[in-house]
Protein backbone atom coordinates (compact mmCIF):
# COMPACT_ATOMS: atom_id res chain seq x y z
CA MET A 1 0.00 0.00 0.00
CA SER A 2 1.37 3.42 -0.98
CA PRO A 3 1.78 6.04 1.75
CA ALA A 4 -0.65 8.94 2.15
CA ILE A 5 0.44 12.04 0.26
CA ASN A 6 0.32 15.36 2.09
CA LEU A 7 2.31 18.59 2.21
CA LYS A 8 4.79 17.21 4.72
CA THR A 9 5.43 14.08 2.65
CA VAL A 10 5.98 16.05 -0.55
CA THR A 11 8.17 18.76 0.99
CA ASN A 12 10.29 16.21 2.88
CA ASN A 13 10.92 14.22 -0.29
CA VAL A 14 11.53 17.31 -2.40
CA GLY A 15 14.01 18.41 0.26
CA TRP A 16 15.85 15.11 0.12
CA SER A 17 15.86 15.12 -3.68
CA VAL A 18 17.07 18.70 -3.91
CA LEU A 19 19.77 17.97 -1.33
CA SER A 20 20.87 14.96 -3.38
CA LYS A 21 20.90 16.87 -6.65
CA THR A 22 22.61 19.85 -5.06
CA ALA A 23 25.41 17.63 -3.78
CA THR A 24 25.60 15.70 -7.05
CA PHE A 25 25.76 18.72 -9.29
CA GLY A 26 27.90 20.56 -6.80
CA LEU A 27 30.42 17.85 -7.56
CA LYS A 28 29.96 18.53 -11.27
CA PHE A 29 30.40 22.24 -10.61
CA VAL A 30 33.85 21.39 -9.29
CA THR A 31 34.86 18.38 -11.36
CA VAL A 32 33.71 19.45 -14.85
CA PRO A 33 35.89 22.59 -14.89
CA LEU A 34 38.82 20.64 -13.41
CA LEU A 35 38.45 17.89 -16.00
CA ALA A 36 38.07 20.53 -18.73
CA ARG A 37 41.46 21.95 -17.75
CA ILE A 38 43.08 18.53 -18.04
CA LEU A 39 41.24 17.02 -21.01
CA SER A 40 40.68 18.42 -24.48
CA PRO A 41 37.40 19.48 -26.15
CA GLU A 42 37.81 16.55 -28.56
CA GLU A 43 37.93 14.06 -25.66
CA PHE A 44 34.81 15.57 -24.10
CA GLY A 45 33.13 15.42 -27.50
CA MET A 46 33.97 11.75 -28.09
CA VAL A 47 32.55 10.62 -24.75
CA ALA A 48 29.50 12.86 -25.13
CA VAL A 49 28.68 11.41 -28.56
CA ALA A 50 29.20 7.80 -27.42
CA HIS A 51 27.14 8.34 -24.28
CA THR A 52 24.34 9.83 -26.38
CA VAL A 53 23.69 6.44 -28.00
CA VAL A 54 23.70 4.73 -24.60
CA ILE A 55 21.19 7.19 -23.15
CA PHE A 56 18.90 6.72 -26.12
CA LEU A 57 18.93 2.92 -25.97
CA THR A 58 18.47 3.00 -22.20
CA MET A 59 15.29 5.01 -22.68
CA VAL A 60 14.07 2.54 -25.29
CA GLY A 61 14.93 -0.41 -23.07
CA SER A 62 13.03 0.84 -20.06
CA ALA A 63 9.92 1.30 -22.26
CA GLY A 64 8.12 2.99 -19.38
CA LEU A 65 7.38 -0.36 -17.72
CA ALA A 66 9.16 0.48 -14.47
CA ALA A 67 7.52 3.92 -14.33
CA SER A 68 4.10 2.27 -14.65
CA LEU A 69 4.75 0.53 -11.32
CA VAL A 70 4.37 3.91 -9.62
CA LEU A 71 0.80 4.41 -10.85
CA GLY A 72 -0.86 1.15 -9.83
CA ARG A 73 -2.89 1.19 -6.63
CA ASP A 74 -2.27 -2.44 -5.69
CA LEU A 75 1.04 -3.82 -6.84
CA GLU A 76 1.59 -7.56 -7.03
CA THR A 77 5.06 -9.03 -6.65
CA GLU A 78 4.59 -11.08 -9.80
CA THR A 79 4.17 -7.87 -11.79
CA VAL A 80 7.30 -6.36 -10.26
CA HIS A 81 9.45 -9.40 -11.07
CA SER A 82 8.05 -9.58 -14.60
CA VAL A 83 8.99 -5.96 -15.26
CA PHE A 84 12.52 -6.56 -13.94
CA TRP A 85 13.19 -9.52 -16.22
CA ALA A 86 11.60 -7.81 -19.21
CA ASN A 87 13.88 -4.80 -18.67
CA LEU A 88 16.96 -6.99 -18.30
CA LEU A 89 16.18 -9.03 -21.42
CA VAL A 90 15.67 -5.95 -23.54
CA ALA A 91 18.78 -4.31 -22.04
CA CYS A 92 21.03 -7.23 -22.95
CA THR A 93 19.60 -7.35 -26.46
CA LEU A 94 20.18 -3.64 -26.99
CA ALA A 95 23.69 -3.79 -25.53
CA THR A 96 24.59 -6.65 -27.85
CA GLY A 97 23.20 -4.79 -30.85
CA LEU A 98 25.05 -1.61 -29.96
CA TYR A 99 28.33 -3.49 -29.57
CA ALA A 100 27.91 -5.19 -32.94
CA TRP A 101 26.87 -1.97 -34.74
CA ALA A 102 29.19 0.43 -32.91
CA ASP A 103 31.02 1.49 -36.08
CA PHE A 104 27.75 2.32 -37.82
CA PHE A 105 26.39 4.38 -34.92
CA ALA A 106 29.65 6.28 -34.43
CA GLU A 107 29.88 7.16 -38.10
CA MET A 108 26.21 8.16 -38.22
CA LEU A 109 26.82 10.58 -35.34
CA GLY A 110 29.81 12.12 -37.09
CA ALA A 111 32.38 10.61 -34.71
CA ALA A 112 33.83 7.55 -36.44
CA ASP A 113 36.91 7.73 -34.17
CA ALA A 114 34.68 7.12 -31.14
CA ALA A 115 33.50 3.65 -32.27
CA TYR A 116 35.69 1.88 -29.72
CA LEU A 117 34.14 3.96 -26.94
CA VAL A 118 30.64 3.07 -28.14
CA LYS A 119 31.53 -0.64 -27.82
CA VAL A 120 32.81 -0.25 -24.29
CA MET A 121 29.92 1.94 -23.15
CA ALA A 122 27.35 -0.54 -24.50
CA PHE A 123 27.84 -2.44 -21.24
CA LEU A 124 26.36 0.53 -19.35
CA ILE A 125 22.88 -0.29 -20.66
CA PRO A 126 22.14 -3.41 -18.57
CA ILE A 127 23.81 -1.85 -15.51
CA GLN A 128 21.50 1.16 -15.68
CA LEU A 129 18.30 -0.68 -16.58
CA CYS A 130 18.68 -3.23 -13.80
CA GLY A 131 18.00 -0.51 -11.24
CA ASP A 132 14.77 0.81 -12.78
CA VAL A 133 12.44 -1.42 -10.78
CA ALA A 134 14.20 -0.78 -7.48
CA TYR A 135 14.03 2.98 -8.07
CA SER A 136 10.32 2.81 -8.97
CA LEU A 137 9.59 0.98 -5.72
CA LEU A 138 11.36 3.71 -3.75
CA ALA A 139 9.47 6.41 -5.68
CA ARG A 140 6.15 4.65 -5.13
CA ASN A 141 6.78 4.66 -1.38
CA MET A 142 8.09 8.26 -1.48
CA ALA A 143 11.38 7.05 -0.03
CA PHE A 144 13.56 9.59 -1.81
CA GLY A 145 15.79 10.07 1.21
CA LYS A 146 17.28 6.61 0.69
CA ASP A 147 17.80 7.22 -3.01
CA ALA A 148 19.39 10.59 -2.26
CA ALA A 149 22.14 9.13 -0.07
CA TRP A 150 23.14 6.52 -2.63
CA SER A 151 23.02 8.99 -5.52
CA VAL A 152 25.44 11.31 -3.77
CA LEU A 153 27.75 8.45 -2.85
CA ALA A 154 27.72 7.06 -6.39
CA GLU A 155 28.45 10.42 -8.03
CA SER A 156 31.13 11.24 -5.47
CA ILE A 157 33.03 8.01 -6.03
CA GLY A 158 32.67 8.42 -9.81
CA ALA A 159 33.91 12.02 -9.73
CA VAL A 160 36.93 11.19 -7.56
CA THR A 161 37.76 8.28 -9.86
CA ALA A 162 37.59 10.48 -12.96
CA LEU A 163 39.80 13.19 -11.46
CA ALA A 164 42.37 10.69 -10.24
CA LEU A 165 42.58 8.94 -13.60
CA ALA A 166 42.71 12.23 -15.51
CA VAL A 167 45.63 13.42 -13.39
CA LEU A 168 47.36 10.09 -13.99
CA GLY A 169 47.06 10.66 -17.74
CA TRP A 170 44.27 8.25 -18.65
CA GLY A 171 42.70 10.85 -20.93
CA VAL A 172 39.31 9.95 -22.31
CA TRP A 173 39.14 6.78 -20.16
CA ALA A 174 38.82 8.93 -17.06
CA LEU A 175 35.38 10.10 -18.27
CA VAL A 176 34.37 6.55 -19.22
CA ALA A 177 35.42 5.21 -15.82
CA GLN A 178 33.36 7.90 -14.10
CA LEU A 179 30.20 6.68 -15.86
CA PHE A 180 30.79 3.02 -15.02
CA VAL A 181 31.80 3.53 -11.39
CA SER A 182 28.82 5.80 -10.69
CA ALA A 183 26.40 3.38 -12.40
CA VAL A 184 27.63 0.31 -10.48
CA VAL A 185 27.59 2.01 -7.07
CA ARG A 186 24.10 3.44 -7.70
CA LEU A 187 22.78 0.04 -8.82
CA ALA A 188 24.04 -1.60 -5.64
CA GLY A 189 22.57 1.21 -3.56
CA LEU A 190 19.13 0.97 -5.17
CA PHE A 191 18.88 -2.75 -4.45
CA TYR A 192 20.05 -2.25 -0.90
CA ALA A 193 17.72 0.69 -0.18
CA SER A 194 14.61 -0.85 -1.77
CA ARG A 195 15.32 -4.34 -0.40
CA TYR A 196 14.13 -5.64 -3.75
CA ARG A 197 15.46 -9.07 -4.72
CA PRO A 198 14.54 -10.42 -8.17
CA ARG A 199 12.88 -13.82 -8.39
CA LEU A 200 12.61 -15.92 -11.52
CA VAL A 201 8.97 -15.07 -12.23
CA MET A 202 7.56 -13.92 -15.56
CA SER A 203 3.95 -13.18 -16.49
CA LEU A 204 3.29 -11.90 -20.00
CA GLY A 205 -0.32 -11.23 -19.06
CA ARG A 206 0.68 -8.78 -16.33
CA LEU A 207 3.13 -7.07 -18.64
CA ARG A 208 0.43 -6.58 -21.27
CA ARG A 209 -1.65 -4.61 -18.76
CA LEU A 210 1.13 -2.05 -18.50
CA VAL A 211 1.78 -1.72 -22.22
CA THR A 212 -0.67 1.10 -23.07
CA PHE A 213 0.81 3.55 -20.60
CA SER A 214 4.34 2.27 -21.19
CA LEU A 215 4.30 2.68 -24.96
CA GLY A 216 3.09 6.27 -24.73
CA LEU A 217 5.71 7.05 -22.12
CA MET A 218 8.41 5.28 -24.12
CA GLY A 219 7.51 7.30 -27.21
CA SER A 220 7.64 10.55 -25.29
CA GLU A 221 11.00 9.66 -23.74
CA ILE A 222 12.45 8.77 -27.15
CA PHE A 223 11.40 12.09 -28.63
CA ASN A 224 12.50 13.97 -25.52
CA PHE A 225 15.86 12.34 -26.05
CA ILE A 226 15.89 13.57 -29.64
CA THR A 227 15.03 17.05 -28.38
CA PHE A 228 17.85 17.15 -25.84
CA GLN A 229 20.52 15.26 -27.77
CA SER A 230 19.92 16.22 -31.40
CA PRO A 231 21.81 19.54 -31.05
CA LEU A 232 24.95 17.62 -30.04
CA ILE A 233 24.57 15.21 -32.97
CA ILE A 234 23.93 18.01 -35.48
CA ILE A 235 26.92 19.98 -34.19
CA SER A 236 29.18 16.92 -34.23
CA ARG A 237 28.24 15.99 -37.79
CA HIS A 238 28.44 19.43 -39.32
CA LEU A 239 30.84 21.45 -37.17
CA GLY A 240 33.24 18.79 -35.80
CA LEU A 241 34.22 17.28 -32.46
CA ALA A 242 35.83 20.47 -31.12
CA ASP A 243 32.54 22.39 -31.37
CA ALA A 244 30.70 19.35 -30.05
CA GLY A 245 33.03 19.32 -27.06
CA ALA A 246 32.49 23.04 -26.45
CA TYR A 247 28.73 22.53 -26.63
CA SER A 248 28.93 19.48 -24.34
CA ALA A 249 31.00 21.23 -21.65
CA ALA A 250 28.80 24.36 -21.72
CA ASN A 251 25.64 22.25 -21.71
CA ARG A 252 26.80 20.16 -18.74
CA PHE A 253 27.59 23.27 -16.71
CA SER A 254 24.48 25.24 -17.67
CA SER A 255 22.35 22.21 -16.80
CA ILE A 256 23.50 22.11 -13.17
CA PRO A 257 20.83 24.49 -11.73
CA ASN A 258 18.20 22.91 -13.97
CA GLN A 259 19.11 19.42 -12.85
CA VAL A 260 19.36 20.30 -9.16
CA VAL A 261 15.84 21.73 -8.96
CA LEU A 262 14.03 20.21 -11.92
CA THR A 263 15.19 16.60 -11.72
CA ALA A 264 14.53 16.48 -7.98
CA LEU A 265 11.11 18.05 -8.38
CA MET A 266 10.05 15.82 -11.27
CA GLY A 267 10.99 12.66 -9.43
CA VAL A 268 8.85 13.55 -6.41
CA LEU A 269 5.93 15.18 -8.24
CA PHE A 270 5.26 12.20 -10.50
CA PRO A 271 4.13 9.89 -7.67
CA ALA A 272 2.57 12.85 -5.83
CA PHE A 273 0.36 13.79 -8.81
CA SER A 274 -0.53 10.13 -9.35
CA HIS A 275 -1.98 10.03 -5.82
CA MET A 276 -4.21 13.05 -6.62
CA ASN A 277 -6.06 11.52 -9.57
CA ASP A 278 -9.31 11.37 -7.56
CA ASP A 279 -9.13 15.04 -6.52
CA ARG A 280 -8.90 17.22 -9.60
CA ALA A 281 -9.16 20.55 -7.76
CA ARG A 282 -6.29 19.59 -5.46
CA ARG A 283 -4.19 18.42 -8.41
CA SER A 284 -4.84 21.65 -10.33
CA HIS A 285 -3.84 23.74 -7.32
CA ALA A 286 -0.70 21.64 -6.88
CA LEU A 287 0.19 22.12 -10.55
CA LEU A 288 0.02 25.92 -10.43
CA LEU A 289 1.74 26.21 -7.05
CA SER A 290 4.59 23.81 -7.87
CA THR A 291 5.14 25.50 -11.25
CA GLN A 292 5.29 28.96 -9.67
CA VAL A 293 7.67 27.84 -6.93
CA SER A 294 10.02 26.00 -9.27
CA THR A 295 10.13 28.97 -11.65
CA VAL A 296 10.81 31.43 -8.82
CA PHE A 297 13.89 29.45 -7.77
CA LEU A 298 15.09 28.10 -11.11
CA ALA A 299 14.65 31.01 -13.53
CA PRO A 300 17.09 33.42 -11.79
CA MET A 301 19.78 30.74 -11.80
CA MET A 302 19.47 30.14 -15.54
CA PHE A 303 19.16 33.78 -16.59
CA GLY A 304 21.90 34.66 -14.13
CA ILE A 305 24.30 32.31 -15.93
CA TRP A 306 23.36 34.03 -19.20
CA ALA A 307 24.15 37.44 -17.69
CA ILE A 308 27.65 36.54 -16.45
CA ALA A 309 28.56 33.90 -19.03
CA GLU A 310 31.62 35.77 -20.34
CA PRO A 311 33.61 36.12 -17.09
CA GLY A 312 32.07 32.87 -15.81
CA MET A 313 33.41 30.81 -18.70
CA LEU A 314 36.90 32.24 -18.29
CA LEU A 315 36.90 31.80 -14.52
CA ILE A 316 35.50 28.27 -14.38
CA PHE A 317 36.78 26.57 -17.53
CA GLY A 318 40.01 28.44 -18.17
CA PRO A 319 41.45 30.38 -21.13
CA GLN A 320 41.24 27.47 -23.62
CA TRP A 321 37.44 27.48 -23.30
CA ALA A 322 36.92 31.25 -23.05
CA TYR A 323 35.86 31.51 -26.70
CA ALA A 324 32.76 29.41 -25.92
CA TRP A 325 31.15 31.90 -23.51
CA PRO A 326 28.32 32.80 -25.96
CA ILE A 327 27.42 29.10 -26.10
CA LEU A 328 27.20 28.89 -22.30
CA GLY A 329 25.10 32.03 -22.15
CA LEU A 330 22.67 31.05 -24.89
CA LEU A 331 22.25 27.52 -23.54
CA ALA A 332 21.41 28.93 -20.11
CA LEU A 333 18.98 31.36 -21.74
CA SER A 334 17.28 28.56 -23.68
CA LYS A 335 16.84 26.52 -20.49
CA GLY A 336 15.59 29.53 -18.56
CA ILE A 337 12.84 30.11 -21.12
CA LEU A 338 11.42 26.66 -20.33
CA THR A 339 11.40 26.95 -16.53
CA PRO A 340 7.59 27.38 -16.36
CA CYS A 341 7.33 23.95 -18.05
CA SER A 342 9.28 22.26 -15.24
CA THR A 343 6.29 20.47 -13.71
CA PHE A 344 4.40 19.61 -16.89
CA ILE A 345 5.99 16.20 -17.53
CA PRO A 346 5.40 14.81 -14.00
CA TYR A 347 1.87 16.25 -14.10
CA LEU A 348 0.96 14.46 -17.34
CA LYS A 349 2.71 11.26 -16.21
CA GLY A 350 0.93 11.33 -12.86
CA ALA A 351 -2.40 11.92 -14.59
CA GLY A 352 -1.76 8.87 -16.80
CA GLN A 353 -1.86 10.96 -19.99
CA SER A 354 1.05 9.31 -21.75
CA SER A 355 -0.50 9.86 -25.19
CA VAL A 356 -0.49 13.64 -24.63
CA LEU A 357 3.13 13.42 -23.53
CA TRP A 358 3.93 11.51 -26.71
CA TRP A 359 2.42 14.08 -29.08
CA VAL A 360 4.00 17.02 -27.28
CA ALA A 361 7.40 15.29 -27.37
CA VAL A 362 7.10 14.54 -31.11
CA ILE A 363 6.23 18.13 -32.03
CA ARG A 364 8.93 19.56 -29.79
CA ALA A 365 11.60 17.20 -31.19
CA ILE A 366 10.75 18.21 -34.77
CA LEU A 367 10.82 21.89 -33.81
CA VAL A 368 14.19 21.73 -32.02
CA TYR A 369 15.82 19.57 -34.69
CA GLY A 370 14.63 21.87 -37.46
CA CYS A 371 15.62 25.11 -35.72
CA VAL A 372 19.08 23.94 -34.63
CA SER A 373 19.79 22.44 -38.07
CA TYR A 374 18.81 25.71 -39.72
CA GLY A 375 21.10 27.63 -37.37
CA VAL A 376 24.05 25.33 -38.04
CA MET A 377 23.57 25.43 -41.81
CA THR A 378 23.12 29.20 -42.10
CA GLY A 379 25.54 30.42 -39.47
CA GLY A 380 27.35 28.20 -37.00
CA LEU A 381 27.32 27.20 -33.36
CA VAL A 382 26.17 30.56 -32.00
CA ASP A 383 23.37 30.82 -34.56
CA ALA A 384 22.26 27.29 -33.68
CA MET A 385 21.93 28.27 -30.02
CA ILE A 386 19.94 31.39 -30.94
CA TRP A 387 17.51 29.24 -32.90
CA LEU A 388 17.31 26.83 -29.96
CA CYS A 389 16.08 29.77 -27.85
CA ILE A 390 13.44 30.56 -30.48
CA ALA A 391 12.32 26.92 -30.51
CA ASN A 392 11.96 26.98 -26.72
CA ILE A 393 9.84 30.13 -26.78
CA ILE A 394 7.41 28.38 -29.13
CA THR A 395 7.55 25.28 -26.92
CA LEU A 396 6.70 27.30 -23.79
CA VAL A 397 3.51 28.69 -25.32
CA GLY A 398 2.42 25.43 -26.96
CA TYR A 399 3.22 23.19 -23.98
CA SER A 400 1.42 25.54 -21.59
CA TRP A 401 -1.68 25.51 -23.79
CA VAL A 402 -1.75 21.69 -23.87
CA VAL A 403 -1.29 21.23 -20.12
CA PHE A 404 -3.68 23.95 -18.98
CA ARG A 405 -6.30 22.72 -21.43
CA SER A 406 -5.88 19.21 -20.05
CA ASP A 407 -6.14 20.51 -16.50
CA GLY A 408 -9.13 22.75 -17.16
CA THR A 409 -7.21 25.92 -16.26
CA PRO A 410 -7.78 29.04 -18.45
CA PHE A 411 -4.75 29.26 -20.74
CA LEU A 412 -3.91 32.97 -20.56
CA SER A 413 -4.30 33.23 -16.79
CA GLY A 414 -2.31 30.02 -16.25
CA LEU A 415 0.48 31.17 -18.58
CA TYR A 416 0.59 34.59 -16.91
CA VAL A 417 0.78 33.24 -13.36
CA THR A 418 3.42 30.59 -14.12
CA SER A 419 5.58 32.72 -16.45
CA ARG A 420 5.60 35.90 -14.37
CA PRO A 421 8.59 34.81 -12.22
CA MET A 422 10.50 33.99 -15.41
CA VAL A 423 9.92 37.49 -16.79
CA THR A 424 11.04 38.94 -13.45
CA ALA A 425 14.23 36.87 -13.60
CA PHE A 426 14.91 37.99 -17.16
CA ILE A 427 14.58 41.67 -16.18
CA MET A 428 17.08 41.04 -13.38
CA ALA A 429 19.49 39.37 -15.82
CA VAL A 430 19.31 42.26 -18.28
CA ALA A 431 20.14 44.66 -15.44
CA VAL A 432 23.12 42.49 -14.42
CA ARG A 433 24.33 42.30 -18.01
CA PHE A 434 24.20 46.11 -18.20
CA LEU A 435 26.13 46.35 -14.92
CA LEU A 436 28.80 43.98 -16.25
CA ASP A 437 29.34 46.20 -19.28
CA GLN A 438 29.75 49.23 -16.99
CA ILE A 439 32.34 47.68 -14.64
CA ARG A 440 34.30 45.69 -17.23
CA ASP A 441 37.09 48.25 -17.61
CA ASP A 442 37.31 49.23 -13.94
CA VAL A 443 37.16 45.61 -12.68
CA PRO A 444 39.10 43.47 -15.17
CA ASN A 445 39.32 40.45 -12.84
CA ALA A 446 36.79 37.77 -13.89
CA ALA A 447 36.27 36.48 -10.34
CA LEU A 448 35.43 39.94 -9.00
CA GLN A 449 33.08 40.55 -11.92
CA VAL A 450 31.19 37.34 -11.10
CA VAL A 451 30.98 38.20 -7.39
CA ILE A 452 29.81 41.80 -7.93
CA CYS A 453 27.25 40.84 -10.56
CA GLY A 454 26.05 37.88 -8.50
CA LEU A 455 25.42 40.02 -5.42
CA ALA A 456 23.73 42.73 -7.46
CA GLY A 457 21.53 40.20 -9.22
CA SER A 458 20.45 38.64 -5.92
CA ILE A 459 19.42 42.01 -4.49
CA ILE A 460 17.58 43.07 -7.64
CA TYR A 461 15.74 39.77 -7.96
CA ALA A 462 14.74 39.66 -4.28
CA PHE A 463 13.27 43.16 -4.60
CA LEU A 464 11.38 42.30 -7.80
CA VAL A 465 9.99 39.05 -6.36
CA LEU A 466 8.72 40.82 -3.25
CA LEU A 467 7.12 43.35 -5.56
CA THR A 468 5.49 40.92 -8.02
CA GLU A 469 4.94 37.69 -6.06
CA ARG A 470 3.52 38.88 -2.74
CA ASP A 471 0.57 36.47 -2.92
CA LEU A 472 2.86 33.53 -3.58
CA MET A 473 5.19 34.52 -0.73
CA ARG A 474 2.23 34.77 1.67
CA LYS A 475 0.96 31.39 0.52
CA LEU A 476 4.37 29.78 1.06
CA LEU A 477 4.69 31.33 4.52
CA GLN A 478 1.22 30.04 5.42
CA LEU A 479 2.12 26.54 4.21
CA LEU A 480 5.33 26.71 6.24
CA ARG A 481 3.41 27.71 9.37
CA GLU A 482 0.94 24.86 8.85
CA ARG A 483 3.78 22.44 8.40
CA MET A 484 5.58 23.65 11.53
CA ALA A 485 2.41 23.84 13.66
CA PRO A 486 2.43 20.13 14.70
CA ARG A 487 6.03 20.46 15.87
CA ALA A 488 5.20 23.56 17.89
CA SER A 489 2.25 21.74 19.50
CA VAL A 490 4.42 18.79 20.41
CA GLY A 491 7.03 21.11 21.92
CA ALA A 492 4.39 22.96 23.97
CA GLY A 493 2.87 19.73 25.21
CA GLY A 494 6.28 18.48 26.29
């Protein structure tokens, strides 16, 4: 039986997830720049391209079956074991196929020299898919605290391994080792935390019951993959591995705030929304509130990176990467534009609307692929990132219309309420960008520029939020008081 979902349960699990992601991507904040100073853009590009194929096949292999375990009210052990073995069988088949066709995939992605890495990294697929069921069981029981601890441990060990091997001169193998070490430690942790132990049980009938939701989810994940990874593939094929490496490094860094807040939030909100299917009003309120809150915290991070991208790139990545600062800035801008969409995927998943997810993912993938391709063909890497921003503006409007229509919320009012914090963050970022231009000559040091602009941006944004989001702030304070009230009562009674 799944636990009851209330404010305390959700906030506790969001807290654990955010803590986990903060620690994980805090490691990346430190290790990616350090690795970038040791390794070359070409080495980053080779691993990024090879890992792209692995990520894609992992999404195909999971087929949404494990995620469907979160939705069911009564979960039978026979269903759980059947999903595990189905995942493992498909994973081994895909890994074998990738190993055999590594040369073809590498050449198709414009990185024929990375074929040997594709073969090695094929073995990541079964390692990653084996943990899907265990993770779904933890998510179903809202036990994200256990997952958080193992995620941090896995990423920490992987990061230390990569740095050590890079210093020892292992080159590209340092990045490969990081992926394998993290995956193995996380797999062991998921089994330990969930206490799940596979048994040799398989029921095709029970698997068929999950297929409808799973196929829609699988389709959406495949096209989401195309959306997120197609820019790297297009850049690699048409502009070369050096530009692909610059894009990869900038993308990994600019994704840190997004991943800290968004990934943590999505993981918790999916099971939370699924428990609200019988209370539409409550689910609608949760959608608007969670979207507002995530945008308030996430948008200033993304637009802030855009504002200080030039000194930030030099400070963090070093002189050899300084030329790529427009890429970092535009990638952060493109991600910031989509911050109001941060809760849409878990909402649609939790509501069981996998077909809607599929269609949205298809249209978005076509849009991003077309815009980035046009930018690459007509200009270059910078133009491609500008067109990615344009694609995301269109996505924001279209995605909001689909979700609010599905939820029964008026489109214009929903878009206004959820996008207002993003507009506020953008105004702050423009002000910071103007400030940077004014102090550039008087403060030539990149570190001081980042500190001054960061402090100024924080003050400006805090003032604007208090000015534009008073109702939201009051609501959050009220929720905090309600959450703390039981503790206060217990303390008084003691």
